[in-house]
Amino acid sequence: MSGSVTVAFQGELGAYSHIAALKFFGSIDALPQKTIADVFEVVEASGARYGVVPFENSLEGSVNETYDMLLETNLHVVGEVKLRIIHCLIASPDTTTSEIKRVYSHPQALAQCRSYIRAMGWETVPYYDTAGSVKMLKELNIKDAAAIASELAAETYGMKVLQKGIEDFAANYTRFLVIGRDRVPRTGRDKTSIIFTTKHVPGALYMALEEFAKRNINLTMLVSRPTKRTPWEYNFYVDFEGHVSDEPIRRCLEALKDRTVFLKVLGSYPAATDE
């Protein structure tokens, strides 16, 4: 997509969600939000046209708050972005690595750099956002600490990158979803996301998944989350290739209604290409 639109994302300017939004739209009027829930709320209230939220990371797994918000919202998934996450050690321009005693960042970023941090012997301090931790060090003029965030965050707040690529594994990708109020048309290279709940009986999940198999529909993700209503019962989040307007997908979803007790279509959208 191109052209400047108002896009909300969790975190401060320079956050990875901000980078994902720039990658997807090209040019945006950025609307930073404190939490993922705030992103959903501002888009629902028409304060932003779109929102960009983290969904899953290749190292740390699901972003549970996003999963839970997708269950509750009336918004649609209208796109996805896959972003290579390159973590940087960032500090004040006159701070050296030997002066650092503690490191601030979002818990996910700290977890993705745990081996590096452990080897350096630093105390970890969780913060609500990667870029926000850089902004905080700048505003408070903290000299004996560093933050873990993107290179864009360092540039945004006039801070120094002490080391780039400190994540424990290079294959560190986060998949972001783009949410909006309107559905998007078929492109021919689409993906669909749904949530369903089955009856609590033997073979219920197998019978639901069979509807995809017999129509040769390729599943790309299957994740379970507690329903939070009944202990040990789960909602299933499923991604698969195709668009809801495709005849095999339409027939599959119709058949699923008889195999489930709850079914919600989150949206069909263009599938992101792998970097």
Protein backbone atom coordinates (compact mmCIF):
# COMPACT_ATOMS: atom_id res chain seq x y z
CA MET A 1 0.00 0.00 0.00
CA SER A 2 1.11 3.58 -0.54
CA GLY A 3 -0.01 7.07 0.49
CA SER A 4 -0.11 8.52 3.97
CA VAL A 5 -2.74 7.06 6.28
CA THR A 6 -3.13 7.20 10.06
CA VAL A 7 -1.80 3.97 11.52
CA ALA A 8 -1.78 3.07 15.22
CA PHE A 9 0.79 0.73 16.73
CA GLN A 10 1.95 -0.33 20.18
CA GLY A 11 5.03 1.47 21.44
CA GLU A 12 6.90 4.66 20.72
CA LEU A 13 8.34 5.94 17.45
CA GLY A 14 11.07 3.53 16.40
CA ALA A 15 9.32 0.46 17.84
CA TYR A 16 9.33 -2.68 15.71
CA SER A 17 5.59 -2.26 15.18
CA HIS A 18 6.36 1.19 13.75
CA ILE A 19 8.92 -0.36 11.38
CA ALA A 20 6.37 -3.01 10.35
CA ALA A 21 3.81 -0.29 9.61
CA LEU A 22 6.33 1.58 7.47
CA LYS A 23 7.18 -1.62 5.61
CA PHE A 24 3.53 -2.34 4.85
CA PHE A 25 2.23 1.15 4.01
CA GLY A 26 5.36 2.99 2.90
CA SER A 27 4.24 6.30 4.38
CA ILE A 28 2.10 6.81 7.47
CA ASP A 29 0.83 9.33 9.97
CA ALA A 30 2.11 7.46 13.01
CA LEU A 31 -0.12 7.15 16.07
CA PRO A 32 1.85 5.43 18.89
CA GLN A 33 -0.16 3.66 21.60
CA LYS A 34 0.76 2.42 25.06
CA THR A 35 -0.72 -1.09 24.73
CA ILE A 36 -1.97 -3.52 22.10
CA ALA A 37 -5.49 -3.10 23.49
CA ASP A 38 -5.18 0.65 22.90
CA VAL A 39 -4.38 -0.02 19.23
CA PHE A 40 -7.58 -2.02 18.80
CA GLU A 41 -9.62 0.59 20.65
CA VAL A 42 -8.39 3.59 18.65
CA VAL A 43 -9.04 1.82 15.33
CA GLU A 44 -12.50 0.75 16.47
CA ALA A 45 -13.23 4.36 17.45
CA SER A 46 -12.05 5.63 14.02
CA GLY A 47 -9.11 7.46 15.59
CA ALA A 48 -6.87 5.61 13.13
CA ARG A 49 -7.69 3.91 9.86
CA TYR A 50 -5.47 0.91 10.56
CA GLY A 51 -3.56 -0.70 13.36
CA VAL A 52 -0.44 -2.87 13.33
CA VAL A 53 -0.02 -5.42 16.12
CA PRO A 54 2.54 -8.18 16.79
CA PHE A 55 1.06 -11.67 16.44
CA GLU A 56 3.83 -14.24 16.74
CA ASN A 57 7.59 -14.44 16.98
CA SER A 58 9.70 -17.24 15.51
CA LEU A 59 11.65 -17.61 18.78
CA GLU A 60 9.25 -16.71 21.58
CA GLY A 61 5.95 -17.80 20.06
CA SER A 62 2.52 -16.20 20.35
CA VAL A 63 1.76 -12.67 21.50
CA ASN A 64 -1.13 -13.62 23.77
CA GLU A 65 -2.65 -10.15 24.16
CA THR A 66 -3.15 -9.90 20.40
CA TYR A 67 -4.77 -13.34 20.28
CA ASP A 68 -7.19 -12.37 23.04
CA MET A 69 -8.06 -9.01 21.44
CA LEU A 70 -8.79 -10.69 18.10
CA LEU A 71 -11.38 -12.83 19.85
CA GLU A 72 -13.20 -9.77 21.21
CA THR A 73 -12.92 -7.22 18.40
CA ASN A 74 -15.20 -6.43 15.47
CA LEU A 75 -12.21 -5.35 13.38
CA HIS A 76 -10.90 -7.40 10.46
CA VAL A 77 -7.41 -8.62 9.67
CA VAL A 78 -6.55 -6.88 6.40
CA GLY A 79 -2.85 -7.64 6.01
CA GLU A 80 0.28 -9.15 7.49
CA VAL A 81 3.95 -8.17 7.71
CA LYS A 82 6.92 -10.41 8.41
CA LEU A 83 9.83 -8.48 9.88
CA ARG A 84 13.37 -9.63 10.61
CA ILE A 85 14.10 -8.47 14.15
CA ILE A 86 17.61 -7.09 14.61
CA HIS A 87 18.19 -6.04 18.21
CA CYS A 88 20.71 -3.31 19.02
CA LEU A 89 22.37 -2.40 22.30
CA ILE A 90 21.70 1.32 22.63
CA ALA A 91 22.99 3.89 25.14
CA SER A 92 23.80 7.58 25.54
CA PRO A 93 26.40 8.86 23.06
CA ASP A 94 29.09 9.14 25.77
CA THR A 95 28.36 5.76 27.46
CA THR A 96 30.73 2.83 26.94
CA THR A 97 29.88 -0.85 27.26
CA SER A 98 32.05 -1.18 30.39
CA GLU A 99 29.90 1.41 32.19
CA ILE A 100 26.63 -0.48 31.72
CA LYS A 101 25.10 -2.08 34.82
CA ARG A 102 21.57 -2.85 33.64
CA VAL A 103 19.59 -3.09 30.43
CA TYR A 104 16.01 -2.03 29.74
CA SER A 105 13.60 -3.34 27.11
CA HIS A 106 10.31 -5.07 26.42
CA PRO A 107 10.21 -8.54 28.04
CA GLN A 108 10.11 -10.23 24.61
CA ALA A 109 13.28 -8.42 23.51
CA LEU A 110 15.05 -9.25 26.77
CA ALA A 111 14.08 -12.91 26.30
CA GLN A 112 15.38 -12.91 22.72
CA CYS A 113 18.78 -11.62 23.92
CA ARG A 114 19.03 -13.59 27.17
CA SER A 115 22.29 -15.39 26.31
CA TYR A 116 24.02 -12.14 25.37
CA ILE A 117 22.77 -10.37 28.52
CA ARG A 118 23.77 -13.28 30.75
CA ALA A 119 27.27 -13.33 29.28
CA MET A 120 27.61 -9.60 30.00
CA GLY A 121 26.37 -10.02 33.57
CA TRP A 122 23.82 -7.22 33.41
CA GLU A 123 20.62 -6.78 35.39
CA THR A 124 17.49 -6.83 33.21
CA VAL A 125 14.70 -4.31 33.73
CA PRO A 126 11.46 -4.98 31.81
CA TYR A 127 9.87 -1.94 30.17
CA TYR A 128 6.64 -1.53 28.23
CA ASP A 129 8.34 -0.97 24.87
CA THR A 130 11.70 -1.38 23.14
CA ALA A 131 11.83 2.11 21.65
CA GLY A 132 10.22 3.49 24.79
CA SER A 133 13.17 2.27 26.81
CA VAL A 134 15.53 4.22 24.54
CA LYS A 135 13.36 7.32 24.87
CA MET A 136 13.37 6.95 28.68
CA LEU A 137 17.18 6.70 28.88
CA LYS A 138 17.41 9.85 26.75
CA GLU A 139 14.89 11.87 28.74
CA LEU A 140 16.31 10.88 32.15
CA ASN A 141 19.92 11.22 30.95
CA ILE A 142 20.83 7.77 32.33
CA LYS A 143 24.49 6.96 31.69
CA ASP A 144 25.03 3.58 33.38
CA ALA A 145 22.36 1.62 31.52
CA ALA A 146 21.46 0.58 28.00
CA ALA A 147 18.34 -0.36 26.08
CA ILE A 148 17.61 -3.07 23.54
CA ALA A 149 15.71 -1.79 20.55
CA SER A 150 15.89 -1.12 16.81
CA GLU A 151 18.46 0.97 15.00
CA LEU A 152 15.60 3.31 14.04
CA ALA A 153 14.93 3.91 17.76
CA ALA A 154 18.55 5.00 18.28
CA GLU A 155 18.31 7.36 15.31
CA THR A 156 14.94 8.74 16.45
CA TYR A 157 16.17 9.72 19.93
CA GLY A 158 19.75 10.67 19.11
CA MET A 159 21.31 7.73 20.95
CA LYS A 160 24.28 5.50 20.10
CA VAL A 161 24.27 1.89 18.89
CA LEU A 162 26.98 0.08 20.87
CA GLN A 163 26.38 -3.27 19.19
CA LYS A 164 24.03 -4.48 16.48
CA GLY A 165 22.53 -7.96 16.13
CA ILE A 166 22.68 -9.08 19.78
CA GLU A 167 19.72 -11.46 19.50
CA ASP A 168 20.53 -15.07 20.43
CA PHE A 169 19.40 -16.46 17.08
CA ALA A 170 19.62 -14.82 13.67
CA ALA A 171 16.37 -16.42 12.48
CA ASN A 172 14.37 -13.98 14.59
CA TYR A 173 11.20 -12.86 12.82
CA THR A 174 8.00 -11.32 14.07
CA ARG A 175 4.76 -11.58 12.16
CA PHE A 176 2.53 -8.52 12.51
CA LEU A 177 -1.15 -8.27 11.59
CA VAL A 178 -2.73 -5.19 10.07
CA ILE A 179 -6.23 -4.56 11.41
CA GLY A 180 -8.95 -2.33 10.00
CA ARG A 181 -12.69 -1.76 9.86
CA ASP A 182 -13.25 -2.95 6.27
CA ARG A 183 -12.61 -6.27 4.56
CA VAL A 184 -10.21 -6.45 1.62
CA PRO A 185 -10.88 -8.05 -1.79
CA ARG A 186 -9.30 -11.20 -3.18
CA THR A 187 -5.84 -10.86 -4.71
CA GLY A 188 -5.14 -14.48 -5.71
CA ARG A 189 -2.34 -14.89 -3.16
CA ASP A 190 -4.40 -14.71 -0.01
CA LYS A 191 -4.51 -16.12 3.48
CA THR A 192 -7.48 -16.41 5.83
CA SER A 193 -7.50 -16.38 9.64
CA ILE A 194 -10.28 -17.85 11.78
CA ILE A 195 -11.02 -18.82 15.38
CA PHE A 196 -13.16 -21.80 16.32
CA THR A 197 -14.15 -23.84 19.36
CA THR A 198 -15.18 -27.49 19.16
CA LYS A 199 -17.39 -29.59 21.37
CA HIS A 200 -15.52 -31.19 24.26
CA VAL A 201 -15.83 -34.72 22.86
CA PRO A 202 -13.35 -37.26 21.43
CA GLY A 203 -12.33 -36.56 17.84
CA ALA A 204 -13.90 -33.08 17.69
CA LEU A 205 -10.73 -31.31 16.55
CA TYR A 206 -9.93 -34.09 14.07
CA MET A 207 -13.38 -33.79 12.48
CA ALA A 208 -13.01 -30.00 12.18
CA LEU A 209 -9.59 -30.24 10.55
CA GLU A 210 -10.86 -32.97 8.22
CA GLU A 211 -12.97 -30.33 6.44
CA PHE A 212 -9.75 -28.62 5.34
CA ALA A 213 -7.97 -31.84 4.37
CA LYS A 214 -10.69 -33.19 2.12
CA ARG A 215 -10.76 -29.90 0.20
CA ASN A 216 -6.97 -29.78 -0.10
CA ILE A 217 -6.76 -26.50 1.85
CA ASN A 218 -3.30 -25.91 3.25
CA LEU A 219 -3.12 -24.85 6.92
CA THR A 220 -0.25 -22.49 7.74
CA MET A 221 -0.85 -22.11 11.50
CA LEU A 222 -2.77 -23.86 14.27
CA VAL A 223 -2.60 -22.48 17.82
CA SER A 224 -4.77 -23.09 20.88
CA ARG A 225 -5.64 -20.55 23.58
CA PRO A 226 -7.72 -21.12 26.75
CA THR A 227 -11.33 -19.98 26.37
CA LYS A 228 -11.11 -18.40 29.86
CA ARG A 229 -14.70 -19.49 30.44
CA THR A 230 -14.24 -23.18 31.20
CA PRO A 231 -10.97 -24.65 32.54
CA TRP A 232 -9.08 -26.82 30.02
CA GLU A 233 -11.24 -25.85 27.07
CA TYR A 234 -9.62 -24.04 24.17
CA ASN A 235 -10.17 -21.76 21.19
CA PHE A 236 -8.26 -22.75 18.07
CA TYR A 237 -6.68 -20.08 15.89
CA VAL A 238 -6.14 -21.28 12.33
CA ASP A 239 -4.53 -19.68 9.29
CA PHE A 240 -4.88 -21.24 5.86
CA GLU A 241 -4.24 -20.43 2.22
CA GLY A 242 -7.09 -18.93 0.23
CA HIS A 243 -9.77 -16.23 0.41
CA VAL A 244 -13.28 -16.47 1.86
CA SER A 245 -14.66 -15.75 -1.60
CA ASP A 246 -12.97 -18.87 -3.04
CA GLU A 247 -15.54 -21.64 -3.49
CA PRO A 248 -13.57 -24.36 -1.62
CA ILE A 249 -13.02 -21.98 1.31
CA ARG A 250 -16.67 -20.96 1.36
CA ARG A 251 -17.79 -24.59 1.42
CA CYS A 252 -15.26 -25.45 4.11
CA LEU A 253 -16.44 -22.66 6.40
CA GLU A 254 -20.05 -23.69 5.90
CA ALA A 255 -19.18 -27.26 6.87
CA LEU A 256 -17.22 -26.05 9.89
CA LYS A 257 -20.36 -24.51 11.35
CA ASP A 258 -21.65 -28.05 11.95
CA ARG A 259 -18.30 -29.19 13.42
CA THR A 260 -17.87 -26.32 15.90
CA VAL A 261 -19.74 -24.52 18.65
CA PHE A 262 -18.12 -21.17 17.82
CA LEU A 263 -16.64 -19.90 14.56
CA LYS A 264 -15.29 -16.43 13.78
CA VAL A 265 -13.67 -15.36 10.53
CA LEU A 266 -11.02 -12.75 11.34
CA GLY A 267 -10.37 -11.88 7.72
CA SER A 268 -8.83 -12.74 4.37
CA TYR A 269 -5.83 -10.71 3.26
CA PRO A 270 -2.78 -10.79 0.97
CA ALA A 271 -0.15 -13.21 2.26
CA ALA A 272 3.17 -11.61 3.11
CA THR A 273 6.25 -12.79 1.25
CA ASP A 274 9.15 -14.23 3.22
CA GLU A 275 12.22 -12.03 3.39
